């Protein structure tokens, strides 16, 4: 008597780069997709916020690019990649709450524009992606263009400034919608206009406009794209 044993091969590991400006749903989408598909998750923006928070706490003039560059290698930033509970520490201290303050938000573009900062953080991001055995969803602003140009799948999320401002205002109690929209547009200009690794859509990225979509619809769209890429590997 012979028996046939059915063996299932594990899904192919995929590296997914999700880029786009603030308020397009990057973080919520990336975490949900990673959790649903059993992938690791990395919020690269949190790393730039973390180094900005450290600079502010240590008396570094964040408007002085040379001073920022000199101090860039000092903090030790560690990112947890569990999409259900992503963590980030700076010199062993939990920074997940402090990095979301308005002070950090207003200063992060200046710090992240410094080439030495981007070089260090980019190396950190690449090492994390390389260590993800089952694959990873990495979200940010220059992942598909600079950090992981060979990613298996690149997605660029967009939305109208009005939709993005409404979403961001909903996240922050008591925030002013007009002021939020102006701040987002200003951040876009700073991120898109910087010389080093600007916010940009990769030539081979799939653009998804989330303006008229619910979060669940965006997640389903991205999950489908990832599954198609997995099947093709």
Protein backbone atom coordinates (compact mmCIF):
# COMPACT_ATOMS: atom_id res chain seq x y z
CA UNK A 1 0.00 0.00 0.00
CA UNK A 2 1.39 3.37 -0.92
CA UNK A 3 0.46 6.70 0.59
CA UNK A 4 0.82 10.08 -0.98
CA UNK A 5 1.93 12.85 1.30
CA UNK A 6 0.93 16.30 0.17
CA UNK A 7 3.61 18.84 0.89
CA UNK A 8 2.86 22.53 0.92
CA UNK A 9 5.59 24.92 0.09
CA UNK A 10 5.80 28.11 2.11
CA UNK A 11 4.85 31.30 0.26
CA UNK A 12 7.78 32.98 -1.42
CA UNK A 13 9.43 35.73 0.64
CA UNK A 14 8.66 39.13 -0.82
CA UNK A 15 10.00 42.59 -0.10
CA UNK A 16 7.25 45.18 -0.48
CA UNK A 17 8.04 48.92 -0.61
CA UNK A 18 5.16 51.28 0.15
CA UNK A 19 5.85 54.97 -0.36
CA UNK A 20 3.80 58.15 -0.34
CA UNK A 21 3.21 61.38 1.54
CA UNK A 22 1.61 61.72 4.99
CA UNK A 23 -2.07 60.94 5.37
CA UNK A 24 -2.37 58.48 2.48
CA UNK A 25 -2.82 55.50 4.77
CA UNK A 26 0.71 54.09 4.52
CA UNK A 27 1.11 52.95 8.11
CA UNK A 28 -2.36 51.47 8.59
CA UNK A 29 -2.21 49.71 5.24
CA UNK A 30 1.35 48.43 5.65
CA UNK A 31 0.74 47.01 9.14
CA UNK A 32 -2.51 45.31 8.11
CA UNK A 33 -1.04 43.81 4.94
CA UNK A 34 2.02 42.52 6.80
CA UNK A 35 -0.13 40.99 9.55
CA UNK A 36 -2.52 39.37 7.08
CA UNK A 37 0.25 37.83 4.99
CA UNK A 38 2.64 36.89 7.80
CA UNK A 39 5.33 39.40 6.82
CA UNK A 40 7.55 41.61 8.94
CA UNK A 41 6.84 45.35 9.01
CA UNK A 42 9.05 48.43 9.18
CA UNK A 43 7.97 52.04 9.64
CA UNK A 44 11.00 53.95 8.36
CA UNK A 45 9.47 57.30 9.22
CA UNK A 46 9.56 56.29 12.89
CA UNK A 47 13.33 55.90 12.61
CA UNK A 48 13.74 59.45 11.33
CA UNK A 49 11.41 60.65 14.07
CA UNK A 50 13.48 58.73 16.61
CA UNK A 51 16.77 60.33 15.59
CA UNK A 52 15.06 63.75 15.55
CA UNK A 53 13.71 63.16 19.07
CA UNK A 54 17.19 62.19 20.25
CA UNK A 55 18.68 65.35 18.69
CA UNK A 56 16.11 67.57 20.42
CA UNK A 57 16.66 65.82 23.76
CA UNK A 58 20.41 66.20 23.51
CA UNK A 59 20.53 69.89 22.70
CA UNK A 60 21.46 69.51 19.02
CA UNK A 61 20.48 72.47 16.84
CA UNK A 62 18.42 70.62 14.22
CA UNK A 63 18.64 73.60 11.87
CA UNK A 64 22.44 73.24 11.81
CA UNK A 65 23.11 70.48 9.26
CA UNK A 66 26.76 70.15 10.25
CA UNK A 67 25.90 69.72 13.93
CA UNK A 68 23.23 67.14 13.05
CA UNK A 69 25.66 65.26 10.78
CA UNK A 70 28.31 65.12 13.51
CA UNK A 71 25.86 63.67 16.05
CA UNK A 72 24.00 61.31 13.69
CA UNK A 73 25.91 58.14 14.56
CA UNK A 74 25.54 58.53 18.35
CA UNK A 75 22.02 57.22 19.08
CA UNK A 76 21.30 53.47 18.89
CA UNK A 77 17.93 52.96 17.21
CA UNK A 78 16.28 49.52 17.32
CA UNK A 79 13.05 48.80 15.42
CA UNK A 80 10.79 45.84 16.22
CA UNK A 81 9.17 44.39 13.08
CA UNK A 82 6.06 42.66 14.45
CA UNK A 83 3.15 44.34 12.59
CA UNK A 84 0.80 43.63 15.50
CA UNK A 85 3.02 45.52 17.93
CA UNK A 86 5.80 47.48 16.20
CA UNK A 87 8.31 48.96 18.63
CA UNK A 88 11.13 51.47 18.49
CA UNK A 89 13.75 52.24 21.09
CA UNK A 90 16.51 54.82 21.26
CA UNK A 91 19.47 53.88 23.46
CA UNK A 92 17.25 51.23 25.04
CA UNK A 93 14.42 53.66 25.87
CA UNK A 94 10.92 53.17 24.42
CA UNK A 95 10.40 56.07 22.02
CA UNK A 96 7.11 55.03 20.39
CA UNK A 97 5.12 57.75 22.19
CA UNK A 98 7.58 60.66 22.35
CA UNK A 99 8.41 60.55 18.62
CA UNK A 100 4.79 61.41 17.73
CA UNK A 101 4.76 64.83 19.38
CA UNK A 102 4.13 67.98 17.35
CA UNK A 103 7.64 69.21 18.15
CA UNK A 104 9.20 66.16 16.52
CA UNK A 105 6.77 66.34 13.60
CA UNK A 106 7.74 69.93 12.89
CA UNK A 107 11.49 69.20 12.97
CA UNK A 108 11.80 65.78 11.31
CA UNK A 109 12.04 67.10 7.73
CA UNK A 110 15.08 69.22 8.60
CA UNK A 111 16.88 66.31 10.26
CA UNK A 112 15.97 63.75 7.60
CA UNK A 113 17.28 66.05 4.84
CA UNK A 114 20.86 65.76 6.18
CA UNK A 115 22.76 63.30 3.93
CA UNK A 116 24.73 61.73 6.79
CA UNK A 117 21.48 60.95 8.62
CA UNK A 118 19.94 59.39 5.52
CA UNK A 119 23.03 57.27 4.88
CA UNK A 120 23.01 55.84 8.39
CA UNK A 121 19.27 55.20 8.52
CA UNK A 122 19.22 53.74 5.01
CA UNK A 123 21.91 51.21 5.99
CA UNK A 124 19.86 50.29 9.07
CA UNK A 125 16.71 49.83 6.96
CA UNK A 126 18.48 47.63 4.40
CA UNK A 127 19.90 45.39 7.13
CA UNK A 128 16.44 44.94 8.68
CA UNK A 129 14.89 44.09 5.30
CA UNK A 130 17.68 41.61 4.51
CA UNK A 131 17.12 39.83 7.83
CA UNK A 132 13.37 39.31 7.28
CA UNK A 133 13.22 35.60 6.37
CA UNK A 134 9.55 35.52 5.36
CA UNK A 135 9.60 38.91 3.68
CA UNK A 136 8.74 42.41 4.84
CA UNK A 137 6.57 45.42 4.15
CA UNK A 138 8.66 48.59 4.40
CA UNK A 139 6.89 51.94 4.35
CA UNK A 140 8.34 55.39 3.90
CA UNK A 141 9.08 58.07 1.33
CA UNK A 142 12.13 56.80 -0.57
CA UNK A 143 11.94 53.04 -0.16
CA UNK A 144 11.27 52.11 -3.78
CA UNK A 145 13.62 54.72 -5.19
CA UNK A 146 16.59 54.64 -2.79
CA UNK A 147 16.44 52.22 0.13
CA UNK A 148 15.20 49.09 -1.65
CA UNK A 149 15.32 49.79 -5.40
CA UNK A 150 15.22 46.03 -6.07
CA UNK A 151 12.08 45.43 -3.97
CA UNK A 152 9.79 42.73 -5.40
CA UNK A 153 6.80 45.08 -5.34
CA UNK A 154 6.67 48.88 -5.14
CA UNK A 155 3.48 50.73 -4.30
CA UNK A 156 3.00 54.50 -4.18
CA UNK A 157 -0.05 55.69 -2.23
CA UNK A 158 -1.56 59.08 -3.02
CA UNK A 159 -4.62 61.06 -1.94
CA UNK A 160 -5.90 64.60 -2.27
CA UNK A 161 -4.57 67.14 0.26
CA UNK A 162 -8.12 67.55 1.59
CA UNK A 163 -8.56 63.82 2.23
CA UNK A 164 -5.15 63.55 3.83
CA UNK A 165 -5.76 66.53 6.10
CA UNK A 166 -9.12 65.13 7.20
CA UNK A 167 -7.53 61.80 8.09
CA UNK A 168 -4.65 63.38 9.95
CA UNK A 169 -6.99 65.74 11.84
CA UNK A 170 -9.05 62.74 12.87
CA UNK A 171 -5.94 61.22 14.45
CA UNK A 172 -5.13 64.31 16.51
CA UNK A 173 -7.81 65.64 18.88
CA UNK A 174 -8.55 69.34 18.58
CA UNK A 175 -6.45 69.83 15.46
CA UNK A 176 -7.36 72.51 12.94
CA UNK A 177 -8.20 71.13 9.50
CA UNK A 178 -6.88 74.11 7.54
CA UNK A 179 -3.67 74.26 9.56
CA UNK A 180 -3.23 70.49 9.17
CA UNK A 181 -3.62 70.77 5.39
CA UNK A 182 -1.09 73.60 5.22
CA UNK A 183 1.37 71.62 7.35
CA UNK A 184 1.00 68.57 5.09
CA UNK A 185 1.61 70.61 1.95
CA UNK A 186 4.66 72.22 3.55
CA UNK A 187 5.99 68.77 4.57
CA UNK A 188 5.42 67.47 1.03
CA UNK A 189 7.41 70.36 -0.42
CA UNK A 190 10.29 69.78 2.01
CA UNK A 191 10.37 66.02 1.41
CA UNK A 192 10.00 66.26 -2.37
CA UNK A 193 12.50 69.10 -2.72
CA UNK A 194 15.39 67.78 -0.64
CA UNK A 195 18.53 66.90 -2.58
CA UNK A 196 19.14 63.56 -0.89
CA UNK A 197 16.57 60.80 -1.50
CA UNK A 198 13.51 62.99 -2.09
CA UNK A 199 9.93 61.74 -1.80
CA UNK A 200 9.25 60.37 -5.28
CA UNK A 201 7.37 57.62 -7.06
CA UNK A 202 9.63 54.89 -8.49
CA UNK A 203 9.23 54.36 -12.23
CA UNK A 204 8.07 50.78 -11.69
CA UNK A 205 5.76 51.49 -8.74
CA UNK A 206 2.02 50.80 -8.79
CA UNK A 207 0.18 54.01 -7.88
CA UNK A 208 -2.92 53.67 -5.72
CA UNK A 209 -5.06 56.78 -5.16
CA UNK A 210 -6.74 56.30 -1.77
CA UNK A 211 -8.84 59.48 -1.83
CA UNK A 212 -12.15 57.71 -2.47
CA UNK A 213 -11.23 54.36 -0.93
CA UNK A 214 -11.87 53.03 2.56
CA UNK A 215 -8.89 51.70 4.48
CA UNK A 216 -10.18 48.15 4.01
CA UNK A 217 -10.37 48.65 0.24
CA UNK A 218 -6.79 49.89 0.14
CA UNK A 219 -5.63 46.91 2.23
CA UNK A 220 -7.45 44.46 -0.07
CA UNK A 221 -5.92 46.10 -3.13
CA UNK A 222 -2.38 45.84 -1.76
CA UNK A 223 -2.87 42.27 -0.48
CA UNK A 224 -3.97 41.25 -3.99
CA UNK A 225 -0.88 42.86 -5.51
CA UNK A 226 1.42 41.10 -3.03
CA UNK A 227 -0.24 37.72 -3.55
CA UNK A 228 0.12 38.10 -7.33
CA UNK A 229 3.81 38.88 -6.90
CA UNK A 230 4.27 35.89 -4.57
CA UNK A 231 2.61 33.56 -7.07
CA UNK A 232 4.87 34.79 -9.85
CA UNK A 233 8.11 34.17 -7.90
